[in-house]
Amino acid sequence: MPKVAAPPETVEGIEVLALEQANAEQPIEFTVAQVAILEKRYPCDRPRHVESPVGETCQTA
């Protein structure tokens, strides 16, 4: 089989994908500090405490 040159970021991406697939079934436990970092970095994923009247949703038809 001939060798093919690939940029390091491609190889790294393949390695990360292989790690993700190998560990996909294992639950991940985050520390409070890790959750704080993630919420700061990705505010859209923070838990929301929004109340809306019964029957109303954010989605419209």
N, C-alpha and C. Protein backbone atom coordinates (compact mmCIF):
# COMPACT_ATOMS: atom_id res chain seq x y z
N MET A 1 0.86 -1.17 0.00
CA MET A 1 0.00 0.00 0.00
C MET A 1 0.90 1.24 0.00
N PRO A 2 0.65 2.18 -0.89
CA PRO A 2 1.50 3.38 -0.94
C PRO A 2 1.23 4.30 0.25
N LYS A 3 2.27 4.97 0.70
CA LYS A 3 2.12 5.93 1.80
C LYS A 3 1.59 7.25 1.25
N VAL A 4 0.72 7.87 2.01
CA VAL A 4 0.13 9.14 1.60
C VAL A 4 0.49 10.18 2.66
N ALA A 5 0.98 11.32 2.22
CA ALA A 5 1.30 12.39 3.15
C ALA A 5 0.02 13.13 3.51
N ALA A 6 -0.16 13.38 4.79
CA ALA A 6 -1.33 14.11 5.26
C ALA A 6 -0.87 15.19 6.23
N PRO A 7 -1.52 16.34 6.21
CA PRO A 7 -1.14 17.39 7.16
C PRO A 7 -1.40 16.93 8.60
N PRO A 8 -0.60 17.44 9.54
CA PRO A 8 -0.74 17.01 10.94
C PRO A 8 -2.14 17.19 11.50
N GLU A 9 -2.83 18.28 11.10
CA GLU A 9 -4.17 18.50 11.65
C GLU A 9 -5.16 17.43 11.19
N THR A 10 -4.95 16.86 10.01
CA THR A 10 -5.80 15.77 9.53
C THR A 10 -5.57 14.52 10.35
N VAL A 11 -4.31 14.22 10.59
CA VAL A 11 -3.96 13.04 11.39
C VAL A 11 -4.50 13.20 12.80
N GLU A 12 -4.33 14.41 13.37
CA GLU A 12 -4.83 14.67 14.71
C GLU A 12 -6.35 14.52 14.76
N GLY A 13 -7.04 15.00 13.72
CA GLY A 13 -8.49 14.87 13.67
C GLY A 13 -8.93 13.42 13.62
N ILE A 14 -8.20 12.61 12.89
CA ILE A 14 -8.52 11.18 12.80
C ILE A 14 -8.30 10.51 14.15
N GLU A 15 -7.22 10.89 14.83
CA GLU A 15 -6.94 10.32 16.15
C GLU A 15 -8.01 10.71 17.16
N VAL A 16 -8.44 11.96 17.12
CA VAL A 16 -9.49 12.43 18.03
C VAL A 16 -10.79 11.69 17.75
N LEU A 17 -11.12 11.52 16.48
CA LEU A 17 -12.34 10.79 16.12
C LEU A 17 -12.28 9.35 16.63
N ALA A 18 -11.13 8.71 16.49
CA ALA A 18 -10.98 7.34 16.98
C ALA A 18 -11.15 7.29 18.49
N LEU A 19 -10.61 8.26 19.21
CA LEU A 19 -10.78 8.32 20.67
C LEU A 19 -12.24 8.54 21.04
N GLU A 20 -12.91 9.43 20.31
CA GLU A 20 -14.32 9.69 20.58
C GLU A 20 -15.16 8.43 20.37
N GLN A 21 -14.89 7.73 19.29
CA GLN A 21 -15.65 6.51 19.01
C GLN A 21 -15.38 5.44 20.05
N ALA A 22 -14.13 5.32 20.49
CA ALA A 22 -13.77 4.30 21.47
C ALA A 22 -14.40 4.58 22.83
N ASN A 23 -14.63 5.86 23.14
CA ASN A 23 -15.14 6.22 24.46
C ASN A 23 -16.57 6.72 24.43
N ALA A 24 -17.27 6.56 23.34
CA ALA A 24 -18.62 7.10 23.19
C ALA A 24 -19.62 6.53 24.19
N GLU A 25 -19.42 5.32 24.60
CA GLU A 25 -20.38 4.67 25.49
C GLU A 25 -20.13 4.98 26.96
N GLN A 26 -19.00 5.57 27.27
CA GLN A 26 -18.66 5.84 28.67
C GLN A 26 -19.20 7.21 29.08
N PRO A 27 -19.91 7.29 30.21
CA PRO A 27 -20.41 8.60 30.66
C PRO A 27 -19.25 9.51 31.07
N ILE A 28 -19.46 10.79 30.90
CA ILE A 28 -18.45 11.78 31.27
C ILE A 28 -18.93 12.51 32.51
N GLU A 29 -18.07 12.58 33.51
CA GLU A 29 -18.37 13.30 34.74
C GLU A 29 -17.56 14.60 34.73
N PHE A 30 -18.25 15.75 34.82
CA PHE A 30 -17.57 17.04 34.85
C PHE A 30 -17.51 17.56 36.28
N THR A 31 -16.43 18.25 36.60
CA THR A 31 -16.34 18.91 37.90
C THR A 31 -17.10 20.23 37.82
N VAL A 32 -17.36 20.83 38.96
CA VAL A 32 -18.05 22.12 39.00
C VAL A 32 -17.23 23.15 38.24
N ALA A 33 -15.91 23.13 38.39
CA ALA A 33 -15.04 24.09 37.69
C ALA A 33 -15.13 23.90 36.17
N GLN A 34 -15.16 22.65 35.71
CA GLN A 34 -15.27 22.39 34.28
C GLN A 34 -16.60 22.88 33.73
N VAL A 35 -17.67 22.68 34.46
CA VAL A 35 -18.99 23.15 34.03
C VAL A 35 -18.99 24.67 33.93
N ALA A 36 -18.37 25.34 34.90
CA ALA A 36 -18.32 26.80 34.88
C ALA A 36 -17.57 27.30 33.65
N ILE A 37 -16.47 26.64 33.31
CA ILE A 37 -15.69 27.03 32.13
C ILE A 37 -16.52 26.81 30.87
N LEU A 38 -17.19 25.67 30.77
CA LEU A 38 -18.01 25.39 29.59
C LEU A 38 -19.17 26.38 29.46
N GLU A 39 -19.81 26.71 30.58
CA GLU A 39 -20.93 27.65 30.52
C GLU A 39 -20.45 29.05 30.14
N LYS A 40 -19.25 29.43 30.59
CA LYS A 40 -18.71 30.73 30.22
C LYS A 40 -18.37 30.77 28.74
N ARG A 41 -17.80 29.68 28.24
CA ARG A 41 -17.37 29.62 26.85
C ARG A 41 -18.56 29.45 25.90
N TYR A 42 -19.56 28.69 26.32
CA TYR A 42 -20.72 28.40 25.47
C TYR A 42 -22.00 28.79 26.21
N PRO A 43 -22.30 30.08 26.28
CA PRO A 43 -23.46 30.52 27.06
C PRO A 43 -24.80 29.98 26.54
N CYS A 44 -24.86 29.61 25.27
CA CYS A 44 -26.13 29.11 24.73
C CYS A 44 -26.48 27.74 25.31
N ASP A 45 -25.52 27.05 25.92
CA ASP A 45 -25.78 25.74 26.49
C ASP A 45 -26.09 25.79 27.99
N ARG A 46 -26.13 26.99 28.55
CA ARG A 46 -26.46 27.11 29.97
C ARG A 46 -27.90 26.68 30.21
N PRO A 47 -28.18 26.12 31.37
CA PRO A 47 -29.58 25.78 31.67
C PRO A 47 -30.41 27.06 31.72
N ARG A 48 -31.60 26.99 31.22
CA ARG A 48 -32.48 28.15 31.21
C ARG A 48 -33.65 27.89 32.14
N HIS A 49 -34.04 28.92 32.84
CA HIS A 49 -35.18 28.82 33.74
C HIS A 49 -36.23 29.83 33.25
N VAL A 50 -36.90 29.44 32.19
CA VAL A 50 -37.88 30.32 31.56
C VAL A 50 -39.25 29.69 31.73
N GLU A 51 -40.17 30.50 32.20
CA GLU A 51 -41.53 30.01 32.33
C GLU A 51 -42.39 30.64 31.25
N SER A 52 -43.21 29.84 30.62
CA SER A 52 -44.13 30.37 29.62
C SER A 52 -45.52 29.87 29.95
N PRO A 53 -46.53 30.62 29.51
CA PRO A 53 -47.90 30.18 29.79
C PRO A 53 -48.16 28.79 29.21
N VAL A 54 -49.05 28.06 29.84
CA VAL A 54 -49.39 26.72 29.40
C VAL A 54 -49.89 26.77 27.96
N GLY A 55 -49.38 25.87 27.13
CA GLY A 55 -49.81 25.81 25.75
C GLY A 55 -48.95 26.62 24.81
N GLU A 56 -48.17 27.56 25.32
CA GLU A 56 -47.28 28.34 24.45
C GLU A 56 -45.91 27.71 24.39
N THR A 57 -45.35 27.72 23.20
CA THR A 57 -43.98 27.24 23.04
C THR A 57 -43.20 28.26 22.23
N CYS A 58 -41.91 28.08 22.16
CA CYS A 58 -41.06 28.99 21.40
C CYS A 58 -41.14 28.71 19.91
N GLN A 59 -41.63 27.56 19.55
CA GLN A 59 -41.70 27.20 18.14
C GLN A 59 -43.04 27.63 17.57
N THR A 60 -42.99 28.15 16.37
CA THR A 60 -44.24 28.53 15.69
C THR A 60 -44.40 27.67 14.45
N ALA A 61 -45.61 27.43 14.08
CA ALA A 61 -45.89 26.58 12.92
C ALA A 61 -45.74 27.31 11.63
